[in-house]
Amino acid sequence: MRGNNSATIEVRLRPKHAQWRYRLDVFADGQRIYFDRPALKFQHFPGAVVYTPTYILNQSEVIIMLDTGAGVEVIENEGFLCARTYLPWTYVVRRE
């Protein structure tokens, strides 16, 4: 995910043999990031905030919010990925 002037955030499903600790790999501008300590649950990058809920310990849910208001939530469940997209009302096309 990337906004106009934001960092590029990638979320990838880890291989099955590598999911013993973390379910998802998260990259910010090509560098792997982790959320395994309380101080790292919310991470700020240019134009984006990336975080995991405090009750998630295996990095299976990641939320990315851009400064524009758009966001993506990625959830891993039993080897499948689910992504939800969030957009502010300003993105809605108005018919007149």
PDB file of N, CA and C in Angstrom:
ATOM      1  N   MET A   1       0.847  -1.162   0.000  1.00  0.00           N
ATOM      2  CA  MET A   1       0.000   0.000   0.000  1.00  0.00           C
ATOM      3  C   MET A   1       0.893   1.225   0.000  1.00  0.00           C
ATOM      4  N   ARG A   2       0.462   2.229  -0.761  1.00  0.00           N
ATOM      5  CA  ARG A   2       1.248   3.453  -0.824  1.00  0.00           C
ATOM      6  C   ARG A   2       0.330   4.602  -1.178  1.00  0.00           C
ATOM      7  N   GLY A   3       0.471   5.701  -0.468  1.00  0.00           N
ATOM      8  CA  GLY A   3      -0.254   6.921  -0.791  1.00  0.00           C
ATOM      9  C   GLY A   3       0.577   7.779  -1.724  1.00  0.00           C
ATOM     10  N   ASN A   4       0.126   8.994  -1.950  1.00  0.00           N
ATOM     11  CA  ASN A   4       0.835   9.893  -2.860  1.00  0.00           C
ATOM     12  C   ASN A   4       2.285  10.113  -2.439  1.00  0.00           C
ATOM     13  N   ASN A   5       2.493  10.474  -1.191  1.00  0.00           N
ATOM     14  CA  ASN A   5       3.841  10.775  -0.702  1.00  0.00           C
ATOM     15  C   ASN A   5       4.204   9.943   0.516  1.00  0.00           C
ATOM     16  N   SER A   6       3.624   8.761   0.632  1.00  0.00           N
ATOM     17  CA  SER A   6       3.854   7.962   1.835  1.00  0.00           C
ATOM     18  C   SER A   6       4.891   6.873   1.582  1.00  0.00           C
ATOM     19  N   ALA A   7       5.286   6.261   2.671  1.00  0.00           N
ATOM     20  CA  ALA A   7       6.156   5.089   2.588  1.00  0.00           C
ATOM     21  C   ALA A   7       5.369   3.936   1.967  1.00  0.00           C
ATOM     22  N   THR A   8       6.063   3.017   1.335  1.00  0.00           N
ATOM     23  CA  THR A   8       5.427   1.830   0.767  1.00  0.00           C
ATOM     24  C   THR A   8       5.368   0.755   1.849  1.00  0.00           C
ATOM     25  N   ILE A   9       4.164   0.267   2.118  1.00  0.00           N
ATOM     26  CA  ILE A   9       3.958  -0.756   3.140  1.00  0.00           C
ATOM     27  C   ILE A   9       3.492  -2.028   2.445  1.00  0.00           C
ATOM     28  N   GLU A  10       4.189  -3.128   2.686  1.00  0.00           N
ATOM     29  CA  GLU A  10       3.830  -4.426   2.111  1.00  0.00           C
ATOM     30  C   GLU A  10       3.510  -5.399   3.239  1.00  0.00           C
ATOM     31  N   VAL A  11       2.462  -6.184   3.049  1.00  0.00           N
ATOM     32  CA  VAL A  11       2.105  -7.236   3.998  1.00  0.00           C
ATOM     33  C   VAL A  11       2.060  -8.536   3.215  1.00  0.00           C
ATOM     34  N   ARG A  12       2.831  -9.522   3.675  1.00  0.00           N
ATOM     35  CA  ARG A  12       2.919 -10.812   2.982  1.00  0.00           C
ATOM     36  C   ARG A  12       2.647 -11.949   3.955  1.00  0.00           C
ATOM     37  N   LEU A  13       2.036 -12.996   3.448  1.00  0.00           N
ATOM     38  CA  LEU A  13       1.831 -14.203   4.230  1.00  0.00           C
ATOM     39  C   LEU A  13       3.155 -14.961   4.314  1.00  0.00           C
ATOM     40  N   ARG A  14       3.545 -15.305   5.509  1.00  0.00           N
ATOM     41  CA  ARG A  14       4.791 -16.070   5.668  1.00  0.00           C
ATOM     42  C   ARG A  14       4.566 -17.506   5.237  1.00  0.00           C
ATOM     43  N   PRO A  15       5.618 -18.198   4.767  1.00  0.00           N
ATOM     44  CA  PRO A  15       5.480 -19.623   4.421  1.00  0.00           C
ATOM     45  C   PRO A  15       5.039 -20.429   5.641  1.00  0.00           C
ATOM     46  N   LYS A  16       4.324 -21.498   5.399  1.00  0.00           N
ATOM     47  CA  LYS A  16       3.761 -22.315   6.481  1.00  0.00           C
ATOM     48  C   LYS A  16       4.832 -22.754   7.483  1.00  0.00           C
ATOM     49  N   HIS A  17       6.005 -23.148   6.997  1.00  0.00           N
ATOM     50  CA  HIS A  17       7.065 -23.609   7.902  1.00  0.00           C
ATOM     51  C   HIS A  17       7.676 -22.475   8.728  1.00  0.00           C
ATOM     52  N   ALA A  18       7.398 -21.224   8.363  1.00  0.00           N
ATOM     53  CA  ALA A  18       7.958 -20.072   9.074  1.00  0.00           C
ATOM     54  C   ALA A  18       6.923 -19.353   9.940  1.00  0.00           C
ATOM     55  N   GLN A  19       5.744 -19.940  10.097  1.00  0.00           N
ATOM     56  CA  GLN A  19       4.688 -19.277  10.860  1.00  0.00           C
ATOM     57  C   GLN A  19       4.654 -19.679  12.332  1.00  0.00           C
ATOM     58  N   TRP A  20       5.679 -20.266  12.839  1.00  0.00           N
ATOM     59  CA  TRP A  20       5.676 -20.698  14.230  1.00  0.00           C
ATOM     60  C   TRP A  20       5.648 -19.520  15.190  1.00  0.00           C
ATOM     61  N   ARG A  21       6.113 -18.343  14.771  1.00  0.00           N
ATOM     62  CA  ARG A  21       6.100 -17.160  15.647  1.00  0.00           C
ATOM     63  C   ARG A  21       5.245 -16.042  15.063  1.00  0.00           C
ATOM     64  N   TYR A  22       5.453 -15.702  13.808  1.00  0.00           N
ATOM     65  CA  TYR A  22       4.728 -14.609  13.163  1.00  0.00           C
ATOM     66  C   TYR A  22       3.974 -15.141  11.960  1.00  0.00           C
ATOM     67  N   ARG A  23       2.760 -14.705  11.765  1.00  0.00           N
ATOM     68  CA  ARG A  23       1.946 -15.143  10.637  1.00  0.00           C
ATOM     69  C   ARG A  23       2.191 -14.308   9.391  1.00  0.00           C
ATOM     70  N   LEU A  24       2.461 -13.008   9.573  1.00  0.00           N
ATOM     71  CA  LEU A  24       2.627 -12.098   8.438  1.00  0.00           C
ATOM     72  C   LEU A  24       3.991 -11.427   8.490  1.00  0.00           C
ATOM     73  N   ASP A  25       4.533 -11.165   7.317  1.00  0.00           N
ATOM     74  CA  ASP A  25       5.712 -10.317   7.187  1.00  0.00           C
ATOM     75  C   ASP A  25       5.235  -8.939   6.790  1.00  0.00           C
ATOM     76  N   VAL A  26       5.784  -7.919   7.435  1.00  0.00           N
ATOM     77  CA  VAL A  26       5.420  -6.539   7.119  1.00  0.00           C
ATOM     78  C   VAL A  26       6.704  -5.799   6.768  1.00  0.00           C
ATOM     79  N   PHE A  27       6.658  -5.080   5.646  1.00  0.00           N
ATOM     80  CA  PHE A  27       7.810  -4.320   5.175  1.00  0.00           C
ATOM     81  C   PHE A  27       7.417  -2.858   5.011  1.00  0.00           C
ATOM     82  N   ALA A  28       8.280  -1.971   5.451  1.00  0.00           N
ATOM     83  CA  ALA A  28       8.105  -0.535   5.242  1.00  0.00           C
ATOM     84  C   ALA A  28       9.292  -0.059   4.426  1.00  0.00           C
ATOM     85  N   ASP A  29       9.026   0.374   3.207  1.00  0.00           N
ATOM     86  CA  ASP A  29      10.081   0.776   2.270  1.00  0.00           C
ATOM     87  C   ASP A  29      11.153  -0.298   2.133  1.00  0.00           C
ATOM     88  N   GLY A  30      10.721  -1.555   2.065  1.00  0.00           N
ATOM     89  CA  GLY A  30      11.632  -2.669   1.839  1.00  0.00           C
ATOM     90  C   GLY A  30      12.304  -3.224   3.078  1.00  0.00           C
ATOM     91  N   GLN A  31      12.079  -2.611   4.246  1.00  0.00           N
ATOM     92  CA  GLN A  31      12.719  -3.085   5.470  1.00  0.00           C
ATOM     93  C   GLN A  31      11.679  -3.777   6.350  1.00  0.00           C
ATOM     94  N   ARG A  32      11.994  -4.991   6.806  1.00  0.00           N
ATOM     95  CA  ARG A  32      11.063  -5.775   7.622  1.00  0.00           C
ATOM     96  C   ARG A  32      10.863  -5.099   8.977  1.00  0.00           C
ATOM     97  N   ILE A  33       9.598  -5.039   9.419  1.00  0.00           N
ATOM     98  CA  ILE A  33       9.286  -4.465  10.729  1.00  0.00           C
ATOM     99  C   ILE A  33       8.505  -5.487  11.547  1.00  0.00           C
ATOM    100  N   TYR A  34       8.623  -5.363  12.874  1.00  0.00           N
ATOM    101  CA  TYR A  34       7.955  -6.274  13.799  1.00  0.00           C
ATOM    102  C   TYR A  34       7.147  -5.480  14.810  1.00  0.00           C
ATOM    103  N   PHE A  35       6.182  -6.162  15.437  1.00  0.00           N
ATOM    104  CA  PHE A  35       5.292  -5.536  16.407  1.00  0.00           C
ATOM    105  C   PHE A  35       5.256  -6.347  17.701  1.00  0.00           C
ATOM    106  N   ASP A  36       6.356  -6.982  18.058  1.00  0.00           N
ATOM    107  CA  ASP A  36       6.362  -7.946  19.156  1.00  0.00           C
ATOM    108  C   ASP A  36       6.590  -7.341  20.541  1.00  0.00           C
ATOM    109  N   ARG A  37       6.835  -6.051  20.626  1.00  0.00           N
ATOM    110  CA  ARG A  37       6.992  -5.396  21.922  1.00  0.00           C
ATOM    111  C   ARG A  37       5.982  -4.263  22.035  1.00  0.00           C
ATOM    112  N   PRO A  38       5.529  -3.935  23.237  1.00  0.00           N
ATOM    113  CA  PRO A  38       4.524  -2.873  23.387  1.00  0.00           C
ATOM    114  C   PRO A  38       4.930  -1.548  22.748  1.00  0.00           C
ATOM    115  N   ALA A  39       6.205  -1.215  22.803  1.00  0.00           N
ATOM    116  CA  ALA A  39       6.665   0.046  22.211  1.00  0.00           C
ATOM    117  C   ALA A  39       6.599   0.023  20.685  1.00  0.00           C
ATOM    118  N   LEU A  40       6.495  -1.164  20.084  1.00  0.00           N
ATOM    119  CA  LEU A  40       6.475  -1.286  18.624  1.00  0.00           C
ATOM    120  C   LEU A  40       5.083  -1.545  18.065  1.00  0.00           C
ATOM    121  N   LYS A  41       4.050  -1.554  18.897  1.00  0.00           N
ATOM    122  CA  LYS A  41       2.692  -1.841  18.413  1.00  0.00           C
ATOM    123  C   LYS A  41       2.204  -0.795  17.424  1.00  0.00           C
ATOM    124  N   PHE A  42       2.565   0.471  17.600  1.00  0.00           N
ATOM    125  CA  PHE A  42       2.231   1.554  16.681  1.00  0.00           C
ATOM    126  C   PHE A  42       3.531   2.102  16.115  1.00  0.00           C
ATOM    127  N   GLN A  43       3.666   2.077  14.778  1.00  0.00           N
ATOM    128  CA  GLN A  43       4.878   2.575  14.151  1.00  0.00           C
ATOM    129  C   GLN A  43       4.507   3.621  13.103  1.00  0.00           C
ATOM    130  N   HIS A  44       5.229   4.717  13.131  1.00  0.00           N
ATOM    131  CA  HIS A  44       4.958   5.842  12.239  1.00  0.00           C
ATOM    132  C   HIS A  44       6.011   5.907  11.141  1.00  0.00           C
ATOM    133  N   PHE A  45       5.540   6.066   9.915  1.00  0.00           N
ATOM    134  CA  PHE A  45       6.396   6.216   8.742  1.00  0.00           C
ATOM    135  C   PHE A  45       5.910   7.422   7.962  1.00  0.00           C
ATOM    136  N   PRO A  46       6.694   7.937   7.031  1.00  0.00           N
ATOM    137  CA  PRO A  46       6.228   9.104   6.275  1.00  0.00           C
ATOM    138  C   PRO A  46       4.871   8.837   5.618  1.00  0.00           C
ATOM    139  N   GLY A  47       3.859   9.579   6.047  1.00  0.00           N
ATOM    140  CA  GLY A  47       2.536   9.480   5.450  1.00  0.00           C
ATOM    141  C   GLY A  47       1.720   8.271   5.859  1.00  0.00           C
ATOM    142  N   ALA A  48       2.195   7.462   6.808  1.00  0.00           N
ATOM    143  CA  ALA A  48       1.468   6.241   7.181  1.00  0.00           C
ATOM    144  C   ALA A  48       1.717   5.863   8.636  1.00  0.00           C
ATOM    145  N   VAL A  49       0.708   5.218   9.215  1.00  0.00           N
ATOM    146  CA  VAL A  49       0.830   4.622  10.543  1.00  0.00           C
ATOM    147  C   VAL A  49       0.487   3.147  10.381  1.00  0.00           C
ATOM    148  N   VAL A  50       1.343   2.285  10.918  1.00  0.00           N
ATOM    149  CA  VAL A  50       1.127   0.844  10.832  1.00  0.00           C
ATOM    150  C   VAL A  50       1.062   0.322  12.267  1.00  0.00           C
ATOM    151  N   TYR A  51       0.025  -0.475  12.553  1.00  0.00           N
ATOM    152  CA  TYR A  51      -0.095  -0.992  13.906  1.00  0.00           C
ATOM    153  C   TYR A  51      -0.810  -2.334  13.935  1.00  0.00           C
ATOM    154  N   THR A  52      -0.652  -3.002  15.058  1.00  0.00           N
ATOM    155  CA  THR A  52      -1.385  -4.238  15.339  1.00  0.00           C
ATOM    156  C   THR A  52      -2.141  -4.032  16.643  1.00  0.00           C
ATOM    157  N   PRO A  53      -3.307  -4.651  16.801  1.00  0.00           N
ATOM    158  CA  PRO A  53      -4.016  -4.544  18.077  1.00  0.00           C
ATOM    159  C   PRO A  53      -3.155  -5.090  19.213  1.00  0.00           C
ATOM    160  N   THR A  54      -3.312  -4.523  20.382  1.00  0.00           N
ATOM    161  CA  THR A  54      -2.453  -4.898  21.508  1.00  0.00           C
ATOM    162  C   THR A  54      -2.651  -6.344  21.942  1.00  0.00           C
ATOM    163  N   TYR A  55      -3.818  -6.928  21.682  1.00  0.00           N
ATOM    164  CA  TYR A  55      -4.076  -8.305  22.098  1.00  0.00           C
ATOM    165  C   TYR A  55      -3.570  -9.335  21.094  1.00  0.00           C
ATOM    166  N   ILE A  56      -3.081  -8.912  19.933  1.00  0.00           N
ATOM    167  CA  ILE A  56      -2.546  -9.825  18.918  1.00  0.00           C
ATOM    168  C   ILE A  56      -1.040  -9.967  19.151  1.00  0.00           C
ATOM    169  N   LEU A  57      -0.597 -11.182  19.434  1.00  0.00           N
ATOM    170  CA  LEU A  57       0.814 -11.415  19.723  1.00  0.00           C
ATOM    171  C   LEU A  57       1.557 -12.122  18.599  1.00  0.00           C
ATOM    172  N   ASN A  58       0.838 -12.702  17.632  1.00  0.00           N
ATOM    173  CA  ASN A  58       1.503 -13.463  16.577  1.00  0.00           C
ATOM    174  C   ASN A  58       1.539 -12.723  15.237  1.00  0.00           C
ATOM    175  N   GLN A  59       1.303 -11.436  15.273  1.00  0.00           N
ATOM    176  CA  GLN A  59       1.384 -10.588  14.080  1.00  0.00           C
ATOM    177  C   GLN A  59       0.472 -11.114  12.962  1.00  0.00           C
ATOM    178  N   SER A  60      -0.748 -11.501  13.323  1.00  0.00           N
ATOM    179  CA  SER A  60      -1.691 -12.022  12.334  1.00  0.00           C
ATOM    180  C   SER A  60      -2.705 -10.974  11.885  1.00  0.00           C
ATOM    181  N   GLU A  61      -2.651  -9.789  12.448  1.00  0.00           N
ATOM    182  CA  GLU A  61      -3.546  -8.703  12.047  1.00  0.00           C
ATOM    183  C   GLU A  61      -2.748  -7.409  12.003  1.00  0.00           C
ATOM    184  N   VAL A  62      -2.777  -6.734  10.849  1.00  0.00           N
ATOM    185  CA  VAL A  62      -2.015  -5.509  10.658  1.00  0.00           C
ATOM    186  C   VAL A  62      -2.941  -4.464  10.058  1.00  0.00           C
ATOM    187  N   ILE A  63      -2.912  -3.262  10.604  1.00  0.00           N
ATOM    188  CA  ILE A  63      -3.723  -2.158  10.093  1.00  0.00           C
ATOM    189  C   ILE A  63      -2.794  -1.061   9.615  1.00  0.00           C
ATOM    190  N   ILE A  64      -3.066  -0.570   8.411  1.00  0.00           N
ATOM    191  CA  ILE A  64      -2.271   0.499   7.803  1.00  0.00           C
ATOM    192  C   ILE A  64      -3.200   1.668   7.543  1.00  0.00           C
ATOM    193  N   MET A  65      -2.868   2.824   8.086  1.00  0.00           N
ATOM    194  CA  MET A  65      -3.660   4.028   7.859  1.00  0.00           C
ATOM    195  C   MET A  65      -2.772   5.095   7.218  1.00  0.00           C
ATOM    196  N   LEU A  66      -3.245   5.646   6.110  1.00  0.00           N
ATOM    197  CA  LEU A  66      -2.507   6.700   5.429  1.00  0.00           C
ATOM    198  C   LEU A  66      -2.993   8.072   5.897  1.00  0.00           C
ATOM    199  N   ASP A  67      -2.165   9.080   5.687  1.00  0.00           N
ATOM    200  CA  ASP A  67      -2.540  10.444   6.055  1.00  0.00           C
ATOM    201  C   ASP A  67      -3.760  10.931   5.290  1.00  0.00           C
ATOM    202  N   THR A  68      -4.036  10.339   4.137  1.00  0.00           N
ATOM    203  CA  THR A  68      -5.190  10.739   3.333  1.00  0.00           C
ATOM    204  C   THR A  68      -6.504  10.254   3.934  1.00  0.00           C
ATOM    205  N   GLY A  69      -6.434   9.352   4.904  1.00  0.00           N
ATOM    206  CA  GLY A  69      -7.628   8.792   5.514  1.00  0.00           C
ATOM    207  C   GLY A  69      -7.936   7.388   5.030  1.00  0.00           C
ATOM    208  N   ALA A  70      -7.302   6.950   3.952  1.00  0.00           N
ATOM    209  CA  ALA A  70      -7.499   5.593   3.447  1.00  0.00           C
ATOM    210  C   ALA A  70      -6.746   4.613   4.332  1.00  0.00           C
ATOM    211  N   GLY A  71      -7.274   3.401   4.427  1.00  0.00           N
ATOM    212  CA  GLY A  71      -6.630   2.400   5.252  1.00  0.00           C
ATOM    213  C   GLY A  71      -6.899   1.003   4.756  1.00  0.00           C
ATOM    214  N   VAL A  72      -6.062   0.063   5.199  1.00  0.00           N
ATOM    215  CA  VAL A  72      -6.228  -1.349   4.869  1.00  0.00           C
ATOM    216  C   VAL A  72      -5.961  -2.152   6.134  1.00  0.00           C
ATOM    217  N   GLU A  73      -6.821  -3.130   6.379  1.00  0.00           N
ATOM    218  CA  GLU A  73      -6.642  -4.063   7.481  1.00  0.00           C
ATOM    219  C   GLU A  73      -6.399  -5.434   6.862  1.00  0.00           C
ATOM    220  N   VAL A  74      -5.309  -6.074   7.226  1.00  0.00           N
ATOM    221  CA  VAL A  74      -4.971  -7.397   6.696  1.00  0.00           C
ATOM    222  C   VAL A  74      -4.987  -8.383   7.857  1.00  0.00           C
ATOM    223  N   ILE A  75      -5.742  -9.486   7.677  1.00  0.00           N
ATOM    224  CA  ILE A  75      -5.874 -10.495   8.720  1.00  0.00           C
ATOM    225  C   ILE A  75      -5.531 -11.859   8.138  1.00  0.00           C
ATOM    226  N   GLU A  76      -4.725 -12.625   8.870  1.00  0.00           N
ATOM    227  CA  GLU A  76      -4.411 -14.007   8.498  1.00  0.00           C
ATOM    228  C   GLU A  76      -5.228 -14.918   9.395  1.00  0.00           C
ATOM    229  N   ASN A  77      -5.870 -15.930   8.789  1.00  0.00           N
ATOM    230  CA  ASN A  77      -6.628 -16.907   9.550  1.00  0.00           C
ATOM    231  C   ASN A  77      -6.495 -18.258   8.861  1.00  0.00           C
ATOM    232  N   GLU A  78      -5.821 -19.192   9.520  1.00  0.00           N
ATOM    233  CA  GLU A  78      -5.616 -20.544   9.020  1.00  0.00           C
ATOM    234  C   GLU A  78      -5.049 -20.579   7.602  1.00  0.00           C
ATOM    235  N   GLY A  79      -4.071 -19.728   7.335  1.00  0.00           N
ATOM    236  CA  GLY A  79      -3.393 -19.722   6.043  1.00  0.00           C
ATOM    237  C   GLY A  79      -4.028 -18.870   4.976  1.00  0.00           C
ATOM    238  N   PHE A  80      -5.143 -18.236   5.263  1.00  0.00           N
ATOM    239  CA  PHE A  80      -5.817 -17.373   4.292  1.00  0.00           C
ATOM    240  C   PHE A  80      -5.691 -15.919   4.717  1.00  0.00           C
ATOM    241  N   LEU A  81      -5.637 -15.043   3.739  1.00  0.00           N
ATOM    242  CA  LEU A  81      -5.578 -13.607   4.010  1.00  0.00           C
ATOM    243  C   LEU A  81      -6.921 -12.971   3.711  1.00  0.00           C
ATOM    244  N   CYS A  82      -7.298 -12.032   4.543  1.00  0.00           N
ATOM    245  CA  CYS A  82      -8.499 -11.235   4.332  1.00  0.00           C
ATOM    246  C   CYS A  82      -8.058  -9.775   4.415  1.00  0.00           C
ATOM    247  N   ALA A  83      -8.461  -8.977   3.458  1.00  0.00           N
ATOM    248  CA  ALA A  83      -8.103  -7.559   3.462  1.00  0.00           C
ATOM    249  C   ALA A  83      -9.369  -6.721   3.391  1.00  0.00           C
ATOM    250  N   ARG A  84      -9.444  -5.743   4.266  1.00  0.00           N
ATOM    251  CA  ARG A  84     -10.548  -4.780   4.258  1.00  0.00           C
ATOM    252  C   ARG A  84      -9.978  -3.420   3.926  1.00  0.00           C
ATOM    253  N   THR A  85     -10.672  -2.719   3.057  1.00  0.00           N
ATOM    254  CA  THR A  85     -10.247  -1.380   2.668  1.00  0.00           C
ATOM    255  C   THR A  85     -11.172  -0.367   3.305  1.00  0.00           C
ATOM    256  N   TYR A  86     -10.591   0.672   3.869  1.00  0.00           N
ATOM    257  CA  TYR A  86     -11.362   1.743   4.492  1.00  0.00           C
ATOM    258  C   TYR A  86     -11.075   3.043   3.752  1.00  0.00           C
ATOM    259  N   LEU A  87     -12.128   3.742   3.378  1.00  0.00           N
ATOM    260  CA  LEU A  87     -11.989   5.011   2.673  1.00  0.00           C
ATOM    261  C   LEU A  87     -12.866   6.064   3.330  1.00  0.00           C
ATOM    262  N   PRO A  88     -12.388   7.307   3.409  1.00  0.00           N
ATOM    263  CA  PRO A  88     -13.226   8.373   3.962  1.00  0.00           C
ATOM    264  C   PRO A  88     -14.337   8.749   2.971  1.00  0.00           C
ATOM    265  N   TRP A  89     -15.368   9.423   3.469  1.00  0.00           N
ATOM    266  CA  TRP A  89     -16.498   9.803   2.626  1.00  0.00           C
ATOM    267  C   TRP A  89     -16.087  10.701   1.463  1.00  0.00           C
ATOM    268  N   THR A  90     -14.961  11.383   1.570  1.00  0.00           N
ATOM    269  CA  THR A  90     -14.525  12.260   0.471  1.00  0.00           C
ATOM    270  C   THR A  90     -14.160  11.473  -0.776  1.00  0.00           C
ATOM    271  N   TYR A  91     -13.964  10.155  -0.658  1.00  0.00           N
ATOM    272  CA  TYR A  91     -13.653   9.324  -1.805  1.00  0.00           C
ATOM    273  C   TYR A  91     -14.907   8.882  -2.557  1.00  0.00           C
ATOM    274  N   VAL A  92     -16.077   9.081  -1.972  1.00  0.00           N
ATOM    275  CA  VAL A  92     -17.327   8.652  -2.581  1.00  0.00           C
ATOM    276  C   VAL A  92     -17.645   9.560  -3.759  1.00  0.00           C
ATOM    277  N   VAL A  93     -18.008   8.938  -4.883  1.00  0.00           N
ATOM    278  CA  VAL A  93     -18.383   9.710  -6.075  1.00  0.00           C
ATOM    279  C   VAL A  93     -19.805  10.204  -5.882  1.00  0.00           C
ATOM    280  N   ARG A  94     -20.006  11.478  -6.064  1.00  0.00           N
ATOM    281  CA  ARG A  94     -21.341  12.058  -5.894  1.00  0.00           C
ATOM    282  C   ARG A  94     -22.023  12.204  -7.232  1.00  0.00           C
ATOM    283  N   ARG A  95     -23.256  11.800  -7.267  1.00  0.00           N
ATOM    284  CA  ARG A  95     -24.055  11.929  -8.498  1.00  0.00           C
ATOM    285  C   ARG A  95     -24.948  13.150  -8.356  1.00  0.00           C
ATOM    286  N   GLU A  96     -24.912  13.995  -9.362  1.00  0.00           N
ATOM    287  CA  GLU A  96     -25.723  15.209  -9.303  1.00  0.00           C
ATOM    288  C   GLU A  96     -26.620  15.311 -10.502  1.00  0.00           C
TER     289      GLU A  96
END
